[in-house]
Amino acid sequence: MSSESVRGVKARCRTAEQQSHQSESILIKEIDNVNGMHFLVSANDFAPHSFRKTNGEISGNHYKVLESGALRFNFTYSLEISEGKSTGVKLGNGSWSGMMNDITEGACDIALVIAVTENRMKAADFTTPMGVSHLIFVSTVPFKSVSNVALLTPLHYKVWIFIGIAFTFQTLGIYLMLKLRDDDANGESFLDVVLWTIGLSTEQSFPLPKHIKSIAVIWVAFVLIIGTGYKCNLASFLSTPEPLRKPVTFLQLHNATQYSVYFDISGISGYDFFRKSEQTWIKDLRKRIVPTSSTSDCVISSFNDRTSVCIGWDISLPVAVAKNLSVPYKHKVTMYQSMEYIVLTYPSIAFRKNFAFKNLFNFIGMSCFEAGLIQKWTKDAVDYFICNGKQWSPSVNGTHFYEQLQNFYNYENNSENNQALRMKHFTTLFLSFILGLAFATATFLWELITY
């Protein structure tokens, strides 16, 4: 990327950051003044909802809701943000884990970003959902590859079958025409006729008997058309080979048994869906799941393995991709999303039961959502990680993962798209040539010994 392009990207990043700070001063219609009340808030480090930037500053769309409310309605808060803390599941003894435990045990008044479920609603109060999150999967972009049978792929297999049939009829026709002629030119063997047809097919020039030139001209015209199409398509295919096919729906993922399935279990409600589902194909897919403790681990694992996917929530996956698979100032999407979701959930802010200021926070959250600020703050989080990228240290610059990441960007920037044909393109051709030489040598030695 040129220095001018990098400066342009940096300028856009600074502009986005400035706009983000300006939006934080939003004025929400006055409802009440809570007169300096202090609230205890529990949160996990889960971008884009709440996370710490590299400079220690806290950000995120739900955190901005809390911050905007505090500025306008005169309350303060103490925020405990813990990396790796789960939203919470109900345990066998009736208690809860994670942030739900903080709520039910009175350790906090408010918990940021907990999806609404039936069991959780019995134990805590929630704001109206501030958006919808869908459980999807992502995978690496379909890298292009060259097959060992690339010399055959420019023509469909049915075309090759008809070429074989045409070659057989052509050879038999020439042979019969020679044998049915009543002259002295009948000494040619069937092998001679086969070699003539092969020579005509490869556009070689050699003397032919006059009475077969008409059929030879027809064959040459046929070969010229087929051969031109083959050579043009071969050049195109070797320059831009066919992308690898990847699953784009969950049912296709189930059928693609060669694919590993990484699952971000930090979003517990999605994992619960797979764990409790009675559908046979989901049970089969569940057996292949490799749990990961964070969205970052999930997308990195999938990026390192081309035949794998990462299942997670569509609101957090883009942030994890930007955070872990971005080289600073190179704005590229390195993963692609499935074409469907399998389940959805509703991110909300949770409170202890009978919390007196529930309606106030509900109003603050919905005002931010309806004004488009939740969506903007979500985009700000993604842009922040894209602009900063992964701050790779010199110690990882030579690792396989970093080289793979750099190769992806080089490929996307078309710096290596048009390459000279390499040995791998002609593996089958050279193998056939070597086998042919070996067969010819063996035949010569056999004849030498026999005669």
Protein backbone atom coordinates (compact mmCIF):
# COMPACT_ATOMS: atom_id res chain seq x y z
CA MET A 1 0.00 0.00 0.00
CA SER A 2 1.44 3.41 -0.94
CA SER A 3 2.34 6.01 1.70
CA GLU A 4 -0.40 8.30 0.36
CA SER A 5 -2.99 5.55 0.78
CA VAL A 6 -1.81 4.90 4.33
CA ARG A 7 -2.04 8.62 5.18
CA GLY A 8 -5.56 8.69 3.73
CA VAL A 9 -6.62 5.71 5.84
CA LYS A 10 -5.11 7.28 8.97
CA ALA A 11 -7.02 10.50 8.28
CA ARG A 12 -10.30 8.58 7.94
CA CYS A 13 -9.58 6.74 11.18
CA ARG A 14 -8.95 10.01 13.05
CA THR A 15 -12.17 11.47 11.63
CA ALA A 16 -14.16 8.42 12.74
CA GLU A 17 -12.68 8.68 16.25
CA GLN A 18 -13.57 12.38 16.48
CA GLN A 19 -17.13 11.71 15.35
CA SER A 20 -17.41 8.95 17.94
CA HIS A 21 -16.42 11.32 20.76
CA GLN A 22 -18.87 13.96 19.50
CA SER A 23 -21.73 11.48 19.59
CA GLU A 24 -21.05 10.72 23.25
CA SER A 25 -22.41 14.14 24.25
CA ILE A 26 -25.93 13.28 23.05
CA LEU A 27 -28.69 15.00 24.98
CA ILE A 28 -31.56 12.73 25.92
CA LYS A 29 -34.93 14.23 26.78
CA GLU A 30 -35.12 14.89 30.49
CA ILE A 31 -37.07 12.41 32.57
CA ASP A 32 -35.60 12.65 35.99
CA ASN A 33 -32.53 13.63 37.95
CA VAL A 34 -31.37 10.81 40.19
CA ASN A 35 -29.42 13.24 42.38
CA GLY A 36 -26.00 11.63 42.31
CA MET A 37 -27.03 8.03 42.91
CA HIS A 38 -24.16 5.56 42.65
CA PHE A 39 -24.55 2.20 40.88
CA LEU A 40 -22.37 -0.90 40.85
CA VAL A 41 -21.94 -2.21 37.29
CA SER A 42 -20.61 -5.60 36.14
CA ALA A 43 -19.39 -6.17 32.57
CA ASN A 44 -17.18 -8.51 30.59
CA ASP A 45 -14.56 -7.56 28.02
CA PHE A 46 -16.77 -8.38 25.04
CA ALA A 47 -16.47 -6.06 22.05
CA PRO A 48 -18.40 -4.30 20.61
CA HIS A 49 -20.54 -4.02 23.76
CA SER A 50 -17.85 -3.22 26.35
CA PHE A 51 -14.06 -3.46 26.00
CA ARG A 52 -10.80 -1.79 26.92
CA LYS A 53 -8.76 0.00 24.28
CA THR A 54 -4.99 -0.36 24.16
CA ASN A 55 -4.63 2.88 26.15
CA GLY A 56 -6.85 1.52 28.95
CA GLU A 57 -9.91 3.58 27.97
CA ILE A 58 -13.24 1.72 28.18
CA SER A 59 -15.53 1.82 25.16
CA GLY A 60 -18.37 -0.16 23.54
CA ASN A 61 -21.97 0.47 22.52
CA HIS A 62 -23.60 -0.59 25.81
CA TYR A 63 -20.92 1.16 27.83
CA LYS A 64 -21.69 4.36 25.89
CA VAL A 65 -25.36 3.96 26.84
CA LEU A 66 -24.33 3.85 30.51
CA GLU A 67 -21.94 6.80 30.10
CA SER A 68 -24.47 8.94 28.22
CA GLY A 69 -27.08 8.31 30.90
CA ALA A 70 -24.67 9.25 33.68
CA LEU A 71 -23.79 12.55 31.98
CA ARG A 72 -27.41 13.54 31.45
CA PHE A 73 -29.21 12.19 34.51
CA ASN A 74 -26.62 12.91 37.18
CA PHE A 75 -25.62 9.50 38.49
CA THR A 76 -22.24 7.85 39.01
CA TYR A 77 -21.13 4.26 38.71
CA SER A 78 -18.31 1.86 39.54
CA LEU A 79 -17.57 -0.49 36.63
CA GLU A 80 -15.89 -3.85 36.99
CA ILE A 81 -14.97 -5.15 33.52
CA SER A 82 -13.49 -8.64 33.50
CA GLU A 83 -11.99 -10.46 30.55
CA GLY A 84 -13.35 -13.97 30.23
CA LYS A 85 -16.33 -13.50 32.55
CA SER A 86 -19.38 -15.23 31.11
CA THR A 87 -22.86 -13.79 30.96
CA GLY A 88 -23.98 -16.68 33.14
CA VAL A 89 -25.78 -20.02 33.18
CA LYS A 90 -28.06 -21.51 35.79
CA LEU A 91 -26.30 -24.21 37.78
CA GLY A 92 -27.73 -27.44 39.11
CA ASN A 93 -28.12 -26.04 42.63
CA GLY A 94 -30.26 -23.15 41.34
CA SER A 95 -27.56 -20.49 41.53
CA TRP A 96 -25.99 -18.67 38.58
CA SER A 97 -22.50 -18.17 37.21
CA GLY A 98 -20.86 -15.12 35.64
CA MET A 99 -22.57 -11.74 35.53
CA MET A 100 -25.95 -13.27 36.33
CA ASN A 101 -24.45 -14.39 39.63
CA ASP A 102 -23.35 -10.79 40.28
CA ILE A 103 -26.93 -9.66 39.73
CA THR A 104 -28.69 -12.36 41.77
CA GLU A 105 -26.22 -12.25 44.67
CA GLY A 106 -26.36 -8.46 44.97
CA ALA A 107 -22.75 -7.87 43.94
CA CYS A 108 -23.93 -5.30 41.37
CA ASP A 109 -26.99 -3.29 40.43
CA ILE A 110 -26.50 -3.39 36.65
CA ALA A 111 -24.91 -5.90 34.26
CA LEU A 112 -24.01 -4.81 30.75
CA VAL A 113 -24.80 -7.04 27.81
CA ILE A 114 -26.80 -10.09 28.83
CA ALA A 115 -29.05 -11.77 26.30
CA VAL A 116 -32.67 -12.15 27.37
CA THR A 117 -33.75 -15.75 28.00
CA GLU A 118 -36.74 -17.22 29.80
CA ASN A 119 -34.72 -18.47 32.77
CA ARG A 120 -32.83 -15.20 33.14
CA MET A 121 -36.04 -13.15 33.14
CA LYS A 122 -37.13 -15.08 36.25
CA ALA A 123 -33.97 -14.04 38.07
CA ALA A 124 -33.36 -10.48 36.82
CA ASP A 125 -35.02 -7.52 35.13
CA PHE A 126 -34.00 -6.34 31.65
CA THR A 127 -34.27 -3.30 29.44
CA THR A 128 -36.10 -3.59 26.15
CA PRO A 129 -33.61 -5.36 23.82
CA MET A 130 -31.27 -2.91 22.12
CA GLY A 131 -30.89 -4.82 18.88
CA VAL A 132 -30.79 -8.39 17.63
CA SER A 133 -27.81 -10.73 17.33
CA HIS A 134 -27.75 -13.79 15.05
CA LEU A 135 -25.77 -17.00 15.45
CA ILE A 136 -23.83 -17.51 12.21
CA PHE A 137 -20.51 -18.96 11.12
CA VAL A 138 -17.53 -17.42 9.36
CA SER A 139 -14.71 -18.98 7.41
CA THR A 140 -11.67 -17.93 5.42
CA VAL A 141 -12.25 -16.46 1.99
CA PRO A 142 -12.27 -19.15 -0.74
CA PHE A 143 -8.60 -19.27 -1.68
CA LYS A 144 -7.97 -20.34 -5.25
CA SER A 145 -6.02 -23.51 -5.95
CA VAL A 146 -4.56 -25.42 -8.87
CA SER A 147 -5.51 -29.07 -9.19
CA ASN A 148 -3.11 -31.81 -10.26
CA VAL A 149 -5.52 -32.54 -13.12
CA ALA A 150 -5.62 -28.91 -14.25
CA LEU A 151 -4.76 -29.95 -17.83
CA LEU A 152 -8.10 -31.79 -18.03
CA THR A 153 -10.36 -29.31 -16.27
CA PRO A 154 -10.71 -26.67 -19.06
CA LEU A 155 -13.13 -29.07 -20.80
CA HIS A 156 -16.14 -30.70 -19.18
CA TYR A 157 -15.88 -34.47 -18.80
CA LYS A 158 -18.72 -34.97 -21.31
CA VAL A 159 -16.70 -33.05 -23.90
CA TRP A 160 -13.73 -35.35 -23.29
CA ILE A 161 -15.99 -38.38 -23.75
CA PHE A 162 -17.26 -37.11 -27.09
CA ILE A 163 -13.72 -36.27 -28.18
CA GLY A 164 -12.75 -39.86 -27.40
CA ILE A 165 -15.70 -41.16 -29.40
CA ALA A 166 -14.86 -38.84 -32.31
CA PHE A 167 -11.21 -39.94 -32.22
CA THR A 168 -12.28 -43.61 -32.33
CA PHE A 169 -14.62 -43.10 -35.31
CA GLN A 170 -12.01 -40.99 -37.11
CA THR A 171 -9.34 -43.67 -36.67
CA LEU A 172 -11.66 -46.51 -37.74
CA GLY A 173 -12.87 -44.48 -40.75
CA ILE A 174 -9.34 -43.85 -42.02
CA TYR A 175 -8.35 -47.48 -41.43
CA LEU A 176 -11.39 -48.84 -43.31
CA MET A 177 -10.87 -46.42 -46.19
CA LEU A 178 -7.30 -47.65 -46.54
CA LYS A 179 -8.23 -51.34 -46.39
CA LEU A 180 -11.12 -51.03 -48.83
CA ARG A 181 -8.92 -49.40 -51.49
CA ASP A 182 -7.69 -51.86 -54.11
CA ASP A 183 -4.15 -50.57 -54.60
CA ASP A 184 -0.66 -51.06 -53.26
CA ALA A 185 -1.03 -48.59 -50.41
CA ASN A 186 -2.63 -51.07 -48.07
CA GLY A 187 0.42 -51.86 -45.94
CA GLU A 188 -0.44 -49.47 -43.14
CA SER A 189 -1.23 -51.08 -39.80
CA PHE A 190 -3.92 -49.92 -37.42
CA LEU A 191 -1.18 -48.48 -35.20
CA ASP A 192 -0.01 -46.35 -38.13
CA VAL A 193 -3.53 -44.97 -38.51
CA VAL A 194 -3.75 -44.20 -34.77
CA LEU A 195 -0.44 -42.33 -34.97
CA TRP A 196 -1.68 -40.39 -38.01
CA THR A 197 -4.81 -39.30 -36.11
CA ILE A 198 -2.76 -38.30 -33.09
CA GLY A 199 -0.42 -36.32 -35.36
CA LEU A 200 -3.34 -34.49 -36.95
CA SER A 201 -4.75 -33.80 -33.47
CA THR A 202 -1.49 -32.17 -32.40
CA GLU A 203 -1.37 -30.08 -35.62
CA GLN A 204 1.65 -31.93 -37.05
CA SER A 205 2.31 -31.97 -40.79
CA PHE A 206 3.28 -35.19 -42.66
CA PRO A 207 2.39 -36.90 -45.98
CA LEU A 208 -0.99 -38.63 -46.17
CA PRO A 209 -2.50 -40.84 -48.88
CA LYS A 210 -4.61 -38.75 -51.27
CA HIS A 211 -7.81 -40.69 -50.73
CA ILE A 212 -7.98 -39.90 -46.96
CA LYS A 213 -7.21 -36.17 -47.20
CA SER A 214 -10.88 -35.21 -47.23
CA ILE A 215 -11.62 -36.94 -43.94
CA ALA A 216 -8.31 -35.62 -42.58
CA VAL A 217 -9.36 -32.03 -43.39
CA ILE A 218 -12.61 -32.54 -41.49
CA TRP A 219 -10.72 -33.86 -38.48
CA VAL A 220 -8.20 -31.00 -38.58
CA ALA A 221 -11.04 -28.45 -38.62
CA PHE A 222 -12.67 -30.22 -35.68
CA VAL A 223 -9.41 -30.30 -33.73
CA LEU A 224 -8.66 -26.66 -34.54
CA ILE A 225 -11.93 -25.46 -32.99
CA ILE A 226 -11.80 -27.76 -29.97
CA GLY A 227 -8.09 -27.09 -29.45
CA THR A 228 -8.47 -23.31 -29.62
CA GLY A 229 -11.20 -23.38 -26.97
CA TYR A 230 -9.15 -25.75 -24.83
CA LYS A 231 -5.97 -23.68 -24.97
CA CYS A 232 -7.76 -20.40 -24.26
CA ASN A 233 -9.65 -21.86 -21.33
CA LEU A 234 -6.51 -23.59 -20.07
CA ALA A 235 -4.62 -20.29 -19.97
CA SER A 236 -7.54 -18.64 -18.17
CA PHE A 237 -7.94 -21.48 -15.70
CA LEU A 238 -4.25 -21.66 -14.81
CA SER A 239 -4.16 -17.87 -14.28
CA THR A 240 -7.37 -17.74 -12.23
CA PRO A 241 -8.23 -21.27 -11.03
CA GLU A 242 -11.62 -22.20 -9.66
CA PRO A 243 -12.18 -21.19 -6.00
CA LEU A 244 -12.56 -23.87 -3.40
CA ARG A 245 -16.20 -24.58 -2.60
CA LYS A 246 -17.18 -23.77 0.96
CA PRO A 247 -20.38 -24.37 2.96
CA VAL A 248 -22.61 -21.31 3.24
CA THR A 249 -25.51 -22.77 5.26
CA PHE A 250 -25.58 -24.82 8.45
CA LEU A 251 -27.00 -27.83 6.62
CA GLN A 252 -24.15 -27.64 4.09
CA LEU A 253 -21.74 -27.39 7.00
CA HIS A 254 -23.28 -30.55 8.47
CA ASN A 255 -22.79 -32.35 5.17
CA ALA A 256 -19.20 -31.08 4.76
CA THR A 257 -17.81 -33.56 7.28
CA GLN A 258 -14.21 -32.63 6.46
CA TYR A 259 -14.75 -29.21 8.09
CA SER A 260 -13.71 -28.56 11.67
CA VAL A 261 -16.25 -26.56 13.69
CA TYR A 262 -14.91 -24.06 16.23
CA PHE A 263 -17.55 -22.60 18.55
CA ASP A 264 -17.30 -19.39 20.57
CA ILE A 265 -18.88 -20.47 23.86
CA SER A 266 -18.51 -17.03 25.46
CA GLY A 267 -21.99 -16.38 24.05
CA ILE A 268 -23.63 -19.07 26.16
CA SER A 269 -27.17 -18.87 24.80
CA GLY A 270 -26.00 -19.97 21.34
CA TYR A 271 -24.12 -22.95 22.74
CA ASP A 272 -27.19 -23.86 24.81
CA PHE A 273 -29.23 -24.03 21.62
CA PHE A 274 -26.87 -26.62 20.15
CA ARG A 275 -26.65 -28.51 23.44
CA LYS A 276 -30.41 -28.80 23.89
CA SER A 277 -31.54 -29.24 20.27
CA GLU A 278 -33.20 -32.58 19.44
CA GLN A 279 -32.77 -32.28 15.66
CA THR A 280 -30.67 -35.18 14.37
CA TRP A 281 -28.45 -33.16 12.04
CA ILE A 282 -27.70 -30.58 14.75
CA LYS A 283 -26.78 -33.42 17.13
CA ASP A 284 -24.39 -34.75 14.49
CA LEU A 285 -22.90 -31.29 14.01
CA ARG A 286 -22.57 -30.87 17.78
CA LYS A 287 -20.22 -33.88 17.93
CA ARG A 288 -17.71 -32.00 15.74
CA ILE A 289 -17.70 -28.81 17.83
CA VAL A 290 -14.37 -27.63 19.22
CA PRO A 291 -15.21 -25.08 22.00
CA THR A 292 -13.17 -21.88 22.24
CA SER A 293 -13.24 -19.56 25.24
CA SER A 294 -13.40 -16.32 23.22
CA THR A 295 -14.47 -14.96 19.86
CA SER A 296 -10.84 -14.06 19.11
CA ASP A 297 -9.63 -17.64 19.63
CA CYS A 298 -12.47 -18.86 17.43
CA VAL A 299 -11.73 -16.66 14.39
CA ILE A 300 -7.95 -17.18 14.65
CA SER A 301 -8.40 -20.97 14.77
CA SER A 302 -10.64 -20.86 11.71
CA PHE A 303 -8.28 -18.54 9.82
CA ASN A 304 -5.39 -20.95 10.41
CA ASP A 305 -7.41 -23.89 9.08
CA ARG A 306 -8.95 -23.41 5.64
CA THR A 307 -11.28 -26.37 6.13
CA SER A 308 -12.95 -25.02 9.24
CA VAL A 309 -15.54 -22.50 10.39
CA CYS A 310 -16.08 -20.39 13.50
CA ILE A 311 -19.62 -20.23 14.92
CA GLY A 312 -20.49 -17.11 16.88
CA TRP A 313 -22.70 -14.03 17.07
CA ASP A 314 -22.77 -11.72 14.06
CA ILE A 315 -22.37 -8.62 16.24
CA SER A 316 -19.08 -9.79 17.81
CA LEU A 317 -17.46 -11.76 14.98
CA PRO A 318 -16.66 -8.71 12.78
CA VAL A 319 -14.98 -7.06 15.76
CA ALA A 320 -12.90 -10.18 16.48
CA VAL A 321 -11.87 -10.38 12.82
CA ALA A 322 -10.89 -6.71 12.77
CA LYS A 323 -9.05 -7.05 16.09
CA ASN A 324 -7.05 -10.17 15.28
CA LEU A 325 -6.85 -10.46 11.50
CA SER A 326 -6.12 -6.87 10.49
CA VAL A 327 -2.75 -5.43 9.64
CA PRO A 328 -2.92 -1.72 10.57
CA TYR A 329 -4.42 0.51 7.83
CA LYS A 330 -5.23 -2.38 5.50
CA HIS A 331 -9.02 -2.36 5.34
CA LYS A 332 -9.80 -5.86 4.16
CA VAL A 333 -12.36 -8.45 5.26
CA THR A 334 -10.51 -11.69 5.77
CA MET A 335 -13.51 -13.89 6.56
CA TYR A 336 -16.89 -14.36 4.95
CA GLN A 337 -20.22 -15.00 6.65
CA SER A 338 -22.73 -17.78 6.21
CA MET A 339 -25.86 -16.95 4.24
CA GLU A 340 -28.20 -17.79 7.12
CA TYR A 341 -28.43 -17.74 10.90
CA ILE A 342 -29.57 -20.65 13.02
CA VAL A 343 -30.83 -18.82 16.13
CA LEU A 344 -31.08 -15.24 17.34
CA THR A 345 -30.88 -13.45 20.67
CA TYR A 346 -31.58 -10.01 22.10
CA PRO A 347 -28.72 -8.16 23.84
CA SER A 348 -29.97 -6.12 26.81
CA ILE A 349 -28.88 -4.52 30.05
CA ALA A 350 -29.81 -6.51 33.16
CA PHE A 351 -30.71 -5.31 36.67
CA ARG A 352 -31.32 -6.91 40.01
CA LYS A 353 -35.00 -7.68 40.58
CA ASN A 354 -37.24 -4.73 41.40
CA PHE A 355 -34.54 -2.22 40.51
CA ALA A 356 -36.08 1.24 41.08
CA PHE A 357 -34.46 2.86 38.03
CA LYS A 358 -35.25 0.20 35.46
CA ASN A 359 -37.61 2.45 33.47
CA LEU A 360 -35.03 5.23 33.37
CA PHE A 361 -32.34 2.96 31.91
CA ASN A 362 -34.87 1.46 29.55
CA PHE A 363 -35.61 4.95 28.23
CA ILE A 364 -31.92 5.80 27.90
CA GLY A 365 -31.19 2.58 26.00
CA MET A 366 -34.13 2.84 23.63
CA SER A 367 -33.42 6.53 22.97
CA CYS A 368 -29.87 5.62 21.93
CA PHE A 369 -31.10 2.73 19.81
CA GLU A 370 -33.83 4.67 18.02
CA ALA A 371 -31.41 7.54 17.35
CA GLY A 372 -29.06 5.08 15.61
CA LEU A 373 -26.32 5.54 18.21
CA ILE A 374 -26.12 1.86 19.18
CA GLN A 375 -25.48 0.99 15.54
CA LYS A 376 -22.94 3.81 15.18
CA TRP A 377 -21.07 2.86 18.34
CA THR A 378 -20.95 -0.73 17.08
CA LYS A 379 -19.40 0.46 13.82
CA ASP A 380 -16.99 2.66 15.79
CA ALA A 381 -15.75 -0.42 17.63
CA VAL A 382 -15.10 -2.28 14.37
CA ASP A 383 -13.40 0.78 12.83
CA TYR A 384 -11.23 1.19 15.93
CA PHE A 385 -9.83 -2.32 15.60
CA ILE A 386 -9.42 -2.04 11.82
CA CYS A 387 -7.51 1.23 12.21
CA ASN A 388 -5.28 -0.18 14.93
CA GLY A 389 -5.17 -3.76 13.68
CA LYS A 390 -3.20 -6.31 15.57
CA GLN A 391 -0.19 -4.58 17.05
CA TRP A 392 2.21 -7.26 15.89
CA SER A 393 5.50 -7.29 17.73
CA PRO A 394 8.79 -8.01 15.89
CA SER A 395 8.90 -11.43 17.55
CA VAL A 396 5.88 -12.67 15.55
CA ASN A 397 6.75 -11.17 12.17
CA GLY A 398 8.34 -14.40 11.00
CA THR A 399 5.65 -16.76 12.25
CA HIS A 400 3.53 -18.86 9.91
CA PHE A 401 0.34 -17.08 10.98
CA TYR A 402 1.73 -13.61 10.27
CA GLU A 403 3.11 -14.71 6.89
CA GLN A 404 -0.27 -16.22 6.02
CA LEU A 405 -1.96 -12.96 6.96
CA GLN A 406 0.47 -10.92 4.85
CA ASN A 407 0.04 -13.31 1.92
CA PHE A 408 -3.70 -12.77 2.08
CA TYR A 409 -3.33 -9.00 1.82
CA ASN A 410 -0.82 -9.35 -1.02
CA TYR A 411 -3.29 -11.59 -2.83
CA GLU A 412 -6.21 -9.19 -2.28
CA ASN A 413 -4.12 -6.27 -3.53
CA ASN A 414 -3.54 -8.20 -6.78
CA SER A 415 0.21 -7.95 -6.38
CA GLU A 416 0.59 -11.68 -7.01
CA ASN A 417 -2.50 -12.50 -9.05
CA ASN A 418 -0.73 -12.75 -12.42
CA GLN A 419 2.08 -15.21 -11.93
CA ALA A 420 4.28 -17.18 -14.27
CA LEU A 421 3.13 -20.78 -14.68
CA ARG A 422 4.91 -22.91 -12.12
CA MET A 423 5.96 -26.52 -11.96
CA LYS A 424 2.85 -27.42 -9.97
CA HIS A 425 0.74 -26.52 -13.00
CA PHE A 426 2.40 -29.24 -15.09
CA THR A 427 2.78 -32.05 -12.57
CA THR A 428 0.44 -34.36 -14.46
CA LEU A 429 2.04 -33.55 -17.84
CA PHE A 430 5.58 -34.31 -16.70
CA LEU A 431 4.44 -37.45 -14.90
CA SER A 432 2.78 -38.67 -18.11
CA PHE A 433 5.96 -37.85 -20.07
CA ILE A 434 8.13 -39.81 -17.63
CA LEU A 435 5.77 -42.80 -17.67
CA GLY A 436 5.74 -42.69 -21.49
CA LEU A 437 9.53 -42.68 -21.64
CA ALA A 438 9.66 -45.57 -19.19
CA PHE A 439 7.17 -47.57 -21.28
CA ALA A 440 9.04 -46.84 -24.52
CA THR A 441 12.35 -47.84 -22.95
CA ALA A 442 10.87 -51.08 -21.59
CA THR A 443 9.40 -51.89 -25.04
CA PHE A 444 12.73 -51.23 -26.74
CA LEU A 445 14.60 -53.46 -24.27
CA TRP A 446 12.02 -56.24 -24.69
CA GLU A 447 12.33 -56.14 -28.47
CA LEU A 448 16.11 -56.06 -28.21
CA ILE A 449 16.17 -59.13 -25.99
CA THR A 450 13.48 -61.01 -27.91
CA TYR A 451 14.75 -60.44 -31.44
